[in-house]
Amino acid sequence: MHATATATAPAPTSKMSSRAGITKKACDGCKIRKIRCGGGQPCQSCFNARIKCTYIRVQQPRGPQKLRATTKFLIDQAQRGMEMQNALPSAPVRGESNIIIICASRSRIPINVLASPLYIYHVRMYPVWPIVDVEKVLSILQQDVEEKEHETYALATAVAAATIAQLRLGQNSGPEKSLSAENFALESMRARRLYDYRSRLNLNNVRTAFFLHVYYENQQSGASESLLYLREAITLAQMMSLHREASYAGLPTEEQQLRRRVLWLLFVTERGVCILHKLPVILKTNVSTPALDTSDEPQVLPAFLKLLNLFRLFEQSRMFDLIEDDNVGRDTISDEVQGVDARFLRLLQENLQDGSALLDHISDVQKADLCVTRHWMRMILWKFSFKQGLQGSPSSQWPNSPSFPVLVAKELLNIVSQLPRTAIEAHGLGMELKLYEIASSLADAVINLAMLPRAPVWDGETRPSSILARLHSILSTFRGGGNKELAELLYKKMADAQSSSGPALPPPIRE
């Protein structure tokens, strides 16, 4: 049993602190608070804060020294949740029967069990989806003894489902019993059926639909459930007039900022999904972006705004119009759009070329998102420019150069190789799809380069075969085995590229 630090507990002794001499692992409380842990059980920090000292979770970066109410609350809830899950009887892995067995004496998943994935969202996924205050949600549910807060409960379980699915948690076998992403998603949908959610226009219902979209997008990207939940979230937001600046007048500042975050997160998400799955965008807006919030971690919103600016750059450059024209099978783009080709090409190229400022003062998870998204956009620009035969500089730095994808992919790998895999994998299947598109474009470029009268000469680091092999390795070794279909598609593309280029490109190595 883990010792509990209380007001009457003895201070850590040399015997109790012996753990510090045999391991550098910080305790769970210090990880969540992101402070240095002196070791021992309890450690000095947990003893001073009068919280339980355990050694279960994975280390996180250091951060604020002061123990916030949110983190103290989450430490307690998450630890209780782990204890309760360990005490649960075995249950089927999939389906509603799991929920029924676990909740036989309750109508809901216990709050202490729900708190564990919400804690993970707070620590790992809030920088990606900064729209849910976990402490506030759990506080509402704790006070809801009659279980009438169906909206909040539906939101909480949807967040849990999205977080578990995105991070692919619980896929490795282990001694702990835990609810799956499917369990939480089914419970969220069950809760929604308990009230007429379609007639209630509020942020809870918008956010619940968004997180159910994330859950389903990680089950099968581009499937009807995923896209319909995203469209539902957008339509509800539009019915609330979140896309109109006038709708924010008179609202409390906190409510305004949350609404702006929700709207712009939907904006970014829809555009990424529509590019990947060749769909038209429906959310148009010019409302102000959310203001910086001092209550957040200092890097959360600035990084979110940097990502937003990338998509707004695409929007302002008419790139989505061009992609939509291309997706409907038109041989030539419209005269109206053709007239801005040179201007938007120059604008996009100049703004996307140098991404050094994007990566300043942000977390690894946000670096992964910004880096891969920027290079993915550069590849989209190359594919369109090359297909349309748009003219620019002959330099490899220009997006209509045949060797441009080699440069982009090399720059991408230089940054990604310095990031922890957990930061890349935190973005789920969407990240895999972007990496696949980048690698696929590189394979297409190799085929095009093989047709040139004089093929370029590459050094070891810039050889397309080496870059493709590294990208294939990343895709095939994602947590949970990665998306095998994408890895196989890329392997076939690599084989085609090898066949076209002859002995200059060695056969790809399958993982």
Protein backbone atom coordinates (compact mmCIF):
# COMPACT_ATOMS: atom_id res chain seq x y z
CA MET A 1 0.00 0.00 0.00
CA HIS A 2 1.17 3.53 -0.73
CA ALA A 3 1.62 5.76 2.25
CA THR A 4 -0.56 8.83 2.56
CA ALA A 5 0.88 12.18 3.58
CA THR A 6 -1.47 13.92 6.01
CA ALA A 7 -1.23 16.67 8.57
CA THR A 8 -0.33 14.16 11.26
CA ALA A 9 1.91 11.93 9.15
CA PRO A 10 5.60 11.87 10.03
CA ALA A 11 7.96 13.85 7.88
CA PRO A 12 9.91 11.84 5.30
CA THR A 13 12.85 10.07 6.93
CA SER A 14 16.09 8.85 5.42
CA LYS A 15 14.62 5.35 5.34
CA MET A 16 11.46 6.51 3.61
CA SER A 17 13.52 8.54 1.16
CA SER A 18 15.71 5.61 0.15
CA ARG A 19 13.79 5.42 -3.10
CA ALA A 20 15.57 8.58 -4.27
CA GLY A 21 18.88 6.75 -4.18
CA ILE A 22 17.76 3.91 -6.44
CA THR A 23 15.58 5.71 -9.01
CA LYS A 24 15.27 9.09 -10.69
CA LYS A 25 11.55 8.62 -11.26
CA ALA A 26 9.35 11.38 -9.86
CA CYS A 27 6.17 10.57 -7.97
CA ASP A 28 2.76 11.08 -9.59
CA GLY A 29 1.94 14.22 -7.61
CA CYS A 30 5.20 15.94 -8.57
CA LYS A 31 4.73 14.91 -12.22
CA ILE A 32 1.27 16.44 -12.35
CA ARG A 33 2.52 19.59 -10.60
CA LYS A 34 5.61 19.53 -12.87
CA ILE A 35 8.07 20.16 -10.04
CA ARG A 36 11.24 18.43 -8.89
CA CYS A 37 10.67 15.34 -6.76
CA GLY A 38 13.15 14.51 -4.02
CA GLY A 39 12.14 10.85 -3.94
CA GLY A 40 10.93 8.85 -1.01
CA GLN A 41 7.45 7.76 -0.09
CA PRO A 42 6.01 10.17 0.74
CA CYS A 43 8.35 12.68 -0.88
CA GLN A 44 8.84 16.03 0.81
CA SER A 45 6.65 17.90 -1.70
CA CYS A 46 3.67 15.56 -1.25
CA PHE A 47 4.13 15.65 2.51
CA ASN A 48 4.11 19.45 2.54
CA ALA A 49 1.05 19.59 0.27
CA ARG A 50 -0.72 16.89 2.33
CA ILE A 51 -1.52 14.68 -0.66
CA LYS A 52 -1.00 10.99 -1.35
CA CYS A 53 2.41 10.05 -2.80
CA THR A 54 2.31 7.32 -5.48
CA TYR A 55 4.61 6.11 -8.29
CA ILE A 56 2.42 4.99 -11.19
CA ARG A 57 2.21 7.50 -14.03
CA VAL A 58 4.54 8.61 -16.83
CA GLN A 59 6.85 11.62 -16.38
CA GLN A 60 5.78 15.03 -17.74
CA PRO A 61 7.85 18.22 -18.26
CA ARG A 62 8.50 20.47 -15.28
CA GLY A 63 6.28 23.49 -14.81
CA PRO A 64 4.80 25.86 -12.20
CA GLN A 65 6.08 25.31 -8.66
CA LYS A 66 2.83 26.40 -7.02
CA LEU A 67 0.24 23.69 -6.40
CA ARG A 68 -2.88 24.81 -8.23
CA ALA A 69 -6.37 23.87 -7.15
CA THR A 70 -6.94 22.12 -10.48
CA THR A 71 -3.88 19.91 -10.27
CA LYS A 72 -4.39 19.07 -6.61
CA PHE A 73 -7.97 18.10 -7.37
CA LEU A 74 -6.89 15.96 -10.35
CA ILE A 75 -4.14 14.23 -8.39
CA ASP A 76 -6.68 13.11 -5.81
CA GLN A 77 -9.34 12.12 -8.34
CA ALA A 78 -6.96 10.23 -10.64
CA GLN A 79 -5.42 8.28 -7.77
CA ARG A 80 -8.85 7.34 -6.45
CA GLY A 81 -9.85 6.35 -9.96
CA MET A 82 -6.88 3.99 -10.30
CA GLU A 83 -7.71 2.38 -6.97
CA MET A 84 -11.34 1.90 -7.97
CA GLN A 85 -10.45 0.48 -11.40
CA ASN A 86 -8.09 -2.04 -9.80
CA ALA A 87 -10.93 -3.15 -7.54
CA LEU A 88 -13.41 -3.64 -10.40
CA PRO A 89 -14.37 -7.19 -11.46
CA SER A 90 -13.33 -8.46 -14.87
CA ALA A 91 -15.67 -7.46 -17.67
CA PRO A 92 -15.95 -7.91 -21.45
CA VAL A 93 -13.58 -5.71 -23.42
CA ARG A 94 -16.07 -4.33 -25.90
CA GLY A 95 -19.71 -3.32 -26.05
CA GLU A 96 -22.33 -1.88 -23.80
CA SER A 97 -22.27 -4.99 -21.60
CA ASN A 98 -19.01 -3.73 -20.11
CA ILE A 99 -20.74 -0.56 -18.94
CA ILE A 100 -23.71 -2.47 -17.59
CA ILE A 101 -21.55 -4.85 -15.54
CA ILE A 102 -19.29 -2.15 -14.14
CA CYS A 103 -22.17 0.16 -13.34
CA ALA A 104 -24.53 -2.52 -12.04
CA SER A 105 -25.19 -0.59 -8.86
CA ARG A 106 -25.05 2.83 -10.54
CA SER A 107 -26.61 4.51 -13.54
CA ARG A 108 -23.32 6.18 -14.48
CA ILE A 109 -19.62 5.49 -14.66
CA PRO A 110 -18.23 6.47 -11.23
CA ILE A 111 -16.68 9.93 -11.15
CA ASN A 112 -13.43 8.58 -9.76
CA VAL A 113 -13.11 6.27 -12.78
CA LEU A 114 -14.05 9.06 -15.18
CA ALA A 115 -11.48 11.37 -13.58
CA SER A 116 -8.53 9.27 -14.76
CA PRO A 117 -8.91 9.86 -18.54
CA LEU A 118 -9.97 13.45 -17.86
CA TYR A 119 -6.72 13.94 -15.97
CA ILE A 120 -4.84 12.61 -19.01
CA TYR A 121 -6.75 15.05 -21.22
CA HIS A 122 -5.84 17.91 -18.89
CA VAL A 123 -2.13 17.05 -18.93
CA ARG A 124 -1.58 15.82 -22.50
CA MET A 125 -4.42 16.87 -24.80
CA TYR A 126 -5.58 20.24 -23.46
CA PRO A 127 -2.88 22.02 -25.52
CA VAL A 128 -4.41 20.41 -28.63
CA TRP A 129 -8.10 20.89 -27.70
CA PRO A 130 -8.11 23.79 -25.17
CA ILE A 131 -11.88 23.95 -24.72
CA VAL A 132 -12.77 21.98 -21.55
CA ASP A 133 -12.08 22.96 -17.93
CA VAL A 134 -11.76 19.53 -16.35
CA GLU A 135 -11.94 20.78 -12.77
CA LYS A 136 -15.20 22.59 -13.49
CA VAL A 137 -16.72 19.55 -15.22
CA LEU A 138 -15.84 17.18 -12.39
CA SER A 139 -17.04 19.67 -9.79
CA ILE A 140 -20.46 19.85 -11.48
CA LEU A 141 -20.71 16.07 -11.64
CA GLN A 142 -19.71 15.69 -7.99
CA GLN A 143 -22.53 17.99 -6.94
CA ASP A 144 -25.02 16.24 -9.23
CA VAL A 145 -26.14 13.64 -6.68
CA GLU A 146 -29.47 13.12 -8.47
CA GLU A 147 -27.68 12.59 -11.80
CA LYS A 148 -29.65 15.20 -13.72
CA GLU A 149 -26.67 16.94 -15.35
CA HIS A 150 -26.88 14.82 -18.50
CA GLU A 151 -25.21 17.44 -20.71
CA THR A 152 -22.10 17.74 -18.55
CA TYR A 153 -21.87 13.97 -18.14
CA ALA A 154 -22.21 13.45 -21.91
CA LEU A 155 -19.40 15.97 -22.46
CA ALA A 156 -17.13 14.37 -19.85
CA THR A 157 -17.52 10.86 -21.27
CA ALA A 158 -17.00 12.16 -24.83
CA VAL A 159 -13.75 13.85 -23.76
CA ALA A 160 -12.65 10.58 -22.15
CA ALA A 161 -13.50 8.60 -25.30
CA ALA A 162 -11.62 11.02 -27.56
CA THR A 163 -8.55 11.11 -25.30
CA ILE A 164 -8.25 7.33 -24.97
CA ALA A 165 -8.80 6.82 -28.71
CA GLN A 166 -6.40 9.57 -29.78
CA LEU A 167 -3.59 8.34 -27.51
CA ARG A 168 -4.46 4.67 -28.08
CA LEU A 169 -4.47 4.01 -24.37
CA GLY A 170 -5.28 0.60 -22.95
CA GLN A 171 -4.23 -1.30 -26.08
CA ASN A 172 -1.32 -3.00 -24.39
CA SER A 173 -2.12 -5.91 -22.13
CA GLY A 174 -1.50 -5.33 -18.45
CA PRO A 175 -2.74 -6.13 -14.96
CA GLU A 176 -5.02 -3.06 -14.72
CA LYS A 177 -8.65 -3.26 -15.82
CA SER A 178 -9.95 -0.11 -17.43
CA LEU A 179 -12.81 1.09 -19.56
CA SER A 180 -12.16 1.40 -23.28
CA ALA A 181 -12.74 4.41 -25.52
CA GLU A 182 -15.77 2.62 -26.92
CA ASN A 183 -17.28 2.28 -23.45
CA PHE A 184 -17.02 6.01 -22.83
CA ALA A 185 -18.35 6.87 -26.31
CA LEU A 186 -21.36 4.60 -25.87
CA GLU A 187 -22.00 6.11 -22.46
CA SER A 188 -21.83 9.62 -23.90
CA MET A 189 -24.37 8.73 -26.57
CA ARG A 190 -26.59 7.05 -23.97
CA ALA A 191 -26.52 10.21 -21.85
CA ARG A 192 -27.45 12.34 -24.86
CA ARG A 193 -30.53 10.22 -25.42
CA LEU A 194 -31.73 11.11 -21.93
CA TYR A 195 -32.43 14.69 -23.00
CA ASP A 196 -33.41 16.42 -26.23
CA TYR A 197 -29.92 17.61 -27.08
CA ARG A 198 -30.81 18.70 -30.61
CA SER A 199 -33.16 21.36 -29.26
CA ARG A 200 -30.54 22.77 -26.86
CA LEU A 201 -28.13 25.18 -28.47
CA ASN A 202 -25.19 25.46 -26.08
CA LEU A 203 -21.46 24.87 -25.91
CA ASN A 204 -21.81 21.56 -24.08
CA ASN A 205 -23.62 20.00 -27.02
CA VAL A 206 -21.23 21.55 -29.55
CA ARG A 207 -18.20 20.24 -27.67
CA THR A 208 -19.71 16.80 -27.10
CA ALA A 209 -20.32 16.40 -30.84
CA PHE A 210 -16.75 17.54 -31.53
CA PHE A 211 -15.20 14.99 -29.17
CA LEU A 212 -17.39 12.21 -30.56
CA HIS A 213 -16.05 13.21 -33.98
CA VAL A 214 -12.50 12.81 -32.65
CA TYR A 215 -13.36 9.38 -31.24
CA TYR A 216 -14.85 8.14 -34.52
CA GLU A 217 -12.12 9.74 -36.64
CA ASN A 218 -9.64 7.57 -34.75
CA GLN A 219 -11.74 4.47 -35.37
CA GLN A 220 -12.04 4.99 -39.13
CA SER A 221 -10.82 8.24 -40.60
CA GLY A 222 -13.31 9.83 -42.95
CA ALA A 223 -16.12 7.42 -42.05
CA SER A 224 -19.70 8.68 -41.92
CA GLU A 225 -19.94 8.76 -38.10
CA SER A 226 -16.83 10.93 -37.82
CA LEU A 227 -17.88 13.40 -40.51
CA LEU A 228 -21.49 13.63 -39.35
CA TYR A 229 -20.48 14.45 -35.77
CA LEU A 230 -18.12 17.15 -37.05
CA ARG A 231 -20.86 18.61 -39.24
CA GLU A 232 -23.24 18.45 -36.26
CA ALA A 233 -20.82 20.41 -34.09
CA ILE A 234 -20.34 23.03 -36.83
CA THR A 235 -24.06 23.36 -37.52
CA LEU A 236 -24.87 23.77 -33.83
CA ALA A 237 -22.14 26.43 -33.59
CA GLN A 238 -23.57 28.23 -36.62
CA MET A 239 -27.09 28.09 -35.16
CA MET A 240 -25.61 29.76 -32.06
CA SER A 241 -24.10 32.38 -34.42
CA LEU A 242 -20.59 31.71 -33.14
CA HIS A 243 -19.31 32.63 -36.62
CA ARG A 244 -20.74 36.16 -36.28
CA GLU A 245 -18.90 38.76 -34.22
CA ALA A 246 -22.15 40.44 -33.16
CA SER A 247 -23.17 37.33 -31.19
CA TYR A 248 -20.38 37.97 -28.65
CA ALA A 249 -21.60 41.40 -27.60
CA GLY A 250 -22.73 41.58 -23.99
CA LEU A 251 -21.40 38.16 -23.01
CA PRO A 252 -19.07 37.76 -20.00
CA THR A 253 -15.41 37.76 -21.01
CA GLU A 254 -14.86 34.14 -19.98
CA GLU A 255 -17.84 32.97 -22.05
CA GLN A 256 -16.66 35.00 -25.04
CA GLN A 257 -13.19 33.48 -24.93
CA LEU A 258 -14.48 29.92 -24.65
CA ARG A 259 -16.86 30.44 -27.58
CA ARG A 260 -14.03 31.83 -29.70
CA ARG A 261 -11.82 28.86 -28.87
CA VAL A 262 -14.57 26.40 -29.78
CA LEU A 263 -15.29 28.17 -33.06
CA TRP A 264 -11.67 28.39 -34.17
CA LEU A 265 -10.96 24.79 -33.14
CA LEU A 266 -13.86 23.74 -35.38
CA PHE A 267 -12.42 25.98 -38.13
CA VAL A 268 -9.00 24.30 -37.98
CA THR A 269 -10.42 20.79 -37.59
CA GLU A 270 -12.85 21.09 -40.49
CA ARG A 271 -10.20 22.38 -42.88
CA GLY A 272 -7.78 19.61 -42.00
CA VAL A 273 -10.50 16.97 -42.38
CA CYS A 274 -11.79 18.45 -45.64
CA ILE A 275 -8.34 18.45 -47.24
CA LEU A 276 -7.70 14.87 -46.15
CA HIS A 277 -11.10 13.57 -47.25
CA LYS A 278 -11.76 15.88 -50.23
CA LEU A 279 -14.83 17.64 -48.87
CA PRO A 280 -15.98 21.27 -49.20
CA VAL A 281 -15.69 23.51 -46.14
CA ILE A 282 -18.88 25.00 -44.72
CA LEU A 283 -17.66 27.09 -41.78
CA LYS A 284 -16.80 30.63 -42.86
CA THR A 285 -15.99 33.31 -40.31
CA ASN A 286 -13.97 36.43 -39.63
CA VAL A 287 -14.58 36.76 -35.88
CA SER A 288 -11.70 37.78 -33.65
CA THR A 289 -9.39 35.10 -32.34
CA PRO A 290 -9.36 34.31 -28.60
CA ALA A 291 -7.24 36.49 -26.35
CA LEU A 292 -4.33 35.16 -24.31
CA ASP A 293 -5.48 33.71 -20.99
CA THR A 294 -3.11 34.00 -18.04
CA SER A 295 -4.87 31.14 -16.27
CA ASP A 296 -3.62 28.69 -18.92
CA GLU A 297 -0.14 27.25 -19.24
CA PRO A 298 1.75 30.14 -20.91
CA GLN A 299 2.43 28.25 -24.15
CA VAL A 300 -1.03 26.73 -24.74
CA LEU A 301 -2.91 29.49 -26.53
CA PRO A 302 0.04 31.05 -28.43
CA ALA A 303 0.73 27.66 -30.04
CA PHE A 304 -2.96 27.20 -30.84
CA LEU A 305 -3.02 30.63 -32.49
CA LYS A 306 0.08 29.77 -34.54
CA LEU A 307 -1.66 26.66 -35.86
CA LEU A 308 -4.78 28.71 -36.56
CA ASN A 309 -2.72 31.25 -38.51
CA LEU A 310 -1.42 28.50 -40.81
CA PHE A 311 -4.96 27.56 -41.78
CA ARG A 312 -6.04 31.20 -42.08
CA LEU A 313 -3.12 31.74 -44.45
CA PHE A 314 -4.47 28.93 -46.63
CA GLU A 315 -7.93 30.49 -46.38
CA GLN A 316 -6.79 34.00 -47.32
CA SER A 317 -4.75 32.65 -50.23
CA ARG A 318 -7.82 30.99 -51.76
CA MET A 319 -6.16 27.59 -51.45
CA PHE A 320 -9.32 25.86 -50.26
CA ASP A 321 -11.19 27.14 -53.33
CA LEU A 322 -8.46 25.74 -55.55
CA ILE A 323 -8.46 22.39 -53.78
CA GLU A 324 -12.25 22.20 -54.04
CA ASP A 325 -12.11 22.92 -57.80
CA ASP A 326 -9.45 20.24 -58.14
CA ASN A 327 -11.44 17.69 -56.12
CA VAL A 328 -14.55 17.98 -58.31
CA GLY A 329 -12.48 16.91 -61.29
CA ARG A 330 -12.21 20.14 -63.25
CA ASP A 331 -9.39 20.06 -65.78
CA THR A 332 -8.72 23.76 -65.30
CA ILE A 333 -9.43 26.02 -62.37
CA SER A 334 -11.90 28.88 -62.68
CA ASP A 335 -10.84 32.16 -64.32
CA GLU A 336 -11.55 34.03 -61.06
CA VAL A 337 -9.15 31.84 -59.11
CA GLN A 338 -6.61 31.61 -61.94
CA GLY A 339 -6.15 35.36 -61.72
CA VAL A 340 -4.61 35.19 -58.26
CA ASP A 341 -2.25 32.25 -58.90
CA ALA A 342 1.05 34.13 -58.88
CA ARG A 343 0.06 36.23 -55.90
CA PHE A 344 -1.09 33.41 -53.66
CA LEU A 345 1.80 31.17 -54.68
CA ARG A 346 4.29 33.83 -53.66
CA LEU A 347 2.40 34.56 -50.43
CA LEU A 348 2.11 30.94 -49.40
CA GLN A 349 5.66 30.07 -50.32
CA GLU A 350 7.15 33.00 -48.41
CA ASN A 351 5.07 32.39 -45.31
CA LEU A 352 5.39 28.61 -45.22
CA GLN A 353 9.08 28.42 -46.10
CA ASP A 354 10.53 29.63 -42.80
CA GLY A 355 8.90 27.97 -39.82
CA SER A 356 11.58 28.66 -37.22
CA ALA A 357 9.48 31.20 -35.32
CA LEU A 358 6.60 28.72 -35.08
CA LEU A 359 8.49 26.43 -32.73
CA ASP A 360 9.63 28.98 -30.13
CA HIS A 361 8.45 28.56 -26.53
CA ILE A 362 5.93 25.76 -27.09
CA SER A 363 5.60 22.18 -25.89
CA ASP A 364 6.77 19.12 -27.83
CA VAL A 365 3.18 18.10 -28.56
CA GLN A 366 2.48 21.49 -30.13
CA LYS A 367 5.80 21.45 -32.01
CA ALA A 368 4.84 18.14 -33.60
CA ASP A 369 1.47 19.51 -34.70
CA LEU A 370 2.83 22.77 -36.11
CA CYS A 371 5.83 21.20 -37.81
CA VAL A 372 3.97 18.38 -39.56
CA THR A 373 1.02 20.61 -40.50
CA ARG A 374 3.28 23.25 -42.06
CA HIS A 375 5.21 20.73 -44.15
CA TRP A 376 2.00 18.94 -45.09
CA MET A 377 0.66 22.28 -46.40
CA ARG A 378 3.87 22.81 -48.37
CA MET A 379 3.38 19.41 -50.01
CA ILE A 380 -0.22 20.30 -50.88
CA LEU A 381 1.06 23.50 -52.48
CA TRP A 382 3.66 21.50 -54.45
CA LYS A 383 1.12 18.96 -55.71
CA PHE A 384 -1.25 21.68 -56.87
CA SER A 385 1.46 23.86 -58.42
CA PHE A 386 3.05 20.95 -60.23
CA LYS A 387 -0.28 19.63 -61.50
CA GLN A 388 -1.41 23.03 -62.77
CA GLY A 389 1.98 23.83 -64.28
CA LEU A 390 2.21 27.13 -62.43
CA GLN A 391 5.44 29.00 -63.03
CA GLY A 392 7.88 30.18 -60.40
CA SER A 393 11.56 30.12 -59.58
CA PRO A 394 13.59 27.13 -60.89
CA SER A 395 15.13 26.76 -57.43
CA SER A 396 14.37 23.64 -55.37
CA GLN A 397 12.99 26.09 -52.79
CA TRP A 398 10.06 26.87 -55.12
CA PRO A 399 7.01 24.62 -54.86
CA ASN A 400 6.81 23.74 -58.57
CA SER A 401 10.35 22.35 -58.59
CA PRO A 402 10.44 18.53 -59.03
CA SER A 403 12.91 18.26 -56.15
CA PHE A 404 10.88 20.44 -53.76
CA PRO A 405 9.32 17.44 -51.89
CA VAL A 406 12.77 16.07 -51.11
CA LEU A 407 13.70 19.35 -49.43
CA VAL A 408 10.42 19.49 -47.48
CA ALA A 409 10.62 15.88 -46.29
CA LYS A 410 14.24 16.30 -45.20
CA GLU A 411 13.39 19.43 -43.18
CA LEU A 412 10.45 17.61 -41.61
CA LEU A 413 12.57 14.66 -40.50
CA ASN A 414 15.24 16.95 -39.06
CA ILE A 415 12.67 18.37 -36.64
CA VAL A 416 10.56 15.26 -36.00
CA SER A 417 13.63 13.17 -35.17
CA GLN A 418 14.33 15.51 -32.23
CA LEU A 419 10.85 15.12 -30.74
CA PRO A 420 9.70 12.29 -28.46
CA ARG A 421 7.46 9.77 -30.20
CA THR A 422 4.72 10.43 -27.65
CA ALA A 423 4.49 14.03 -28.91
CA ILE A 424 3.91 12.83 -32.48
CA GLU A 425 1.52 10.05 -31.49
CA ALA A 426 -0.58 12.44 -29.37
CA HIS A 427 -2.20 13.67 -32.59
CA GLY A 428 -3.57 10.26 -33.50
CA LEU A 429 -4.64 9.12 -36.92
CA GLY A 430 -4.72 12.67 -38.29
CA MET A 431 -0.95 12.87 -37.79
CA GLU A 432 -0.48 9.52 -39.54
CA LEU A 433 -2.53 10.70 -42.51
CA LYS A 434 -0.47 13.89 -42.85
CA LEU A 435 2.80 11.95 -42.65
CA TYR A 436 1.50 9.53 -45.25
CA GLU A 437 0.54 12.40 -47.58
CA ILE A 438 4.03 13.88 -47.21
CA ALA A 439 5.72 10.55 -47.92
CA SER A 440 3.34 9.79 -50.79
CA SER A 441 4.12 13.15 -52.40
CA LEU A 442 7.82 12.42 -52.03
CA ALA A 443 7.35 9.07 -53.79
CA ASP A 444 5.50 10.85 -56.62
CA ALA A 445 8.37 13.32 -56.87
CA VAL A 446 10.89 10.47 -57.16
CA ILE A 447 8.94 9.11 -60.13
CA ASN A 448 8.88 12.56 -61.74
CA LEU A 449 12.60 13.06 -61.14
CA ALA A 450 13.37 9.74 -62.84
CA MET A 451 11.88 11.15 -66.06
CA LEU A 452 14.28 14.10 -66.18
CA PRO A 453 17.13 13.99 -68.75
CA ARG A 454 19.63 14.45 -65.91
CA ALA A 455 18.63 13.06 -62.54
CA PRO A 456 19.77 15.03 -59.46
CA VAL A 457 22.68 13.77 -57.39
CA TRP A 458 21.92 13.29 -53.69
CA ASP A 459 24.17 12.92 -50.68
CA GLY A 460 23.45 10.31 -48.02
CA GLU A 461 21.08 12.41 -45.93
CA THR A 462 19.03 13.73 -48.84
CA ARG A 463 18.66 10.50 -50.82
CA PRO A 464 14.91 10.07 -51.38
CA SER A 465 15.15 6.36 -50.62
CA SER A 466 16.56 7.05 -47.14
CA ILE A 467 13.94 9.70 -46.39
CA LEU A 468 11.11 7.43 -47.56
CA ALA A 469 12.42 4.56 -45.46
CA ARG A 470 12.51 6.76 -42.35
CA LEU A 471 8.98 8.06 -42.94
CA HIS A 472 7.76 4.51 -43.49
CA SER A 473 9.41 3.46 -40.24
CA ILE A 474 7.64 6.25 -38.33
CA LEU A 475 4.26 5.28 -39.78
CA SER A 476 4.65 1.56 -39.12
CA THR A 477 5.82 1.96 -35.51
CA PHE A 478 3.10 4.23 -34.13
CA ARG A 479 1.74 3.23 -30.74
CA GLY A 480 -0.63 0.29 -31.08
CA GLY A 481 1.05 -0.90 -34.29
CA GLY A 482 0.20 2.16 -36.36
CA ASN A 483 -2.18 2.21 -39.28
CA LYS A 484 -1.16 -0.90 -41.20
CA GLU A 485 -3.20 0.11 -44.25
CA LEU A 486 -1.34 3.41 -44.59
CA ALA A 487 2.02 1.73 -44.05
CA GLU A 488 1.19 -0.85 -46.74
CA LEU A 489 0.01 1.83 -49.19
CA LEU A 490 3.24 3.73 -48.65
CA TYR A 491 5.29 0.56 -49.16
CA LYS A 492 3.60 0.01 -52.53
CA LYS A 493 4.31 3.62 -53.48
CA MET A 494 7.94 3.15 -52.50
CA ALA A 495 8.10 0.04 -54.66
CA ASP A 496 6.66 1.97 -57.62
CA ALA A 497 9.21 4.72 -57.09
CA GLN A 498 12.02 2.18 -56.96
CA SER A 499 10.79 0.57 -60.16
CA SER A 500 10.67 3.90 -61.98
CA SER A 501 14.05 5.16 -60.83
CA GLY A 502 15.95 1.92 -61.36
CA PRO A 503 19.16 1.10 -59.51
CA ALA A 504 19.53 4.66 -58.20
CA LEU A 505 16.82 3.96 -55.59
CA PRO A 506 17.27 0.80 -53.47
CA PRO A 507 14.16 -1.26 -52.70
CA PRO A 508 12.31 -0.11 -49.58
CA ILE A 509 12.71 -2.18 -46.44
CA ARG A 510 9.46 -3.41 -44.96
CA GLU A 511 9.09 -3.17 -41.20
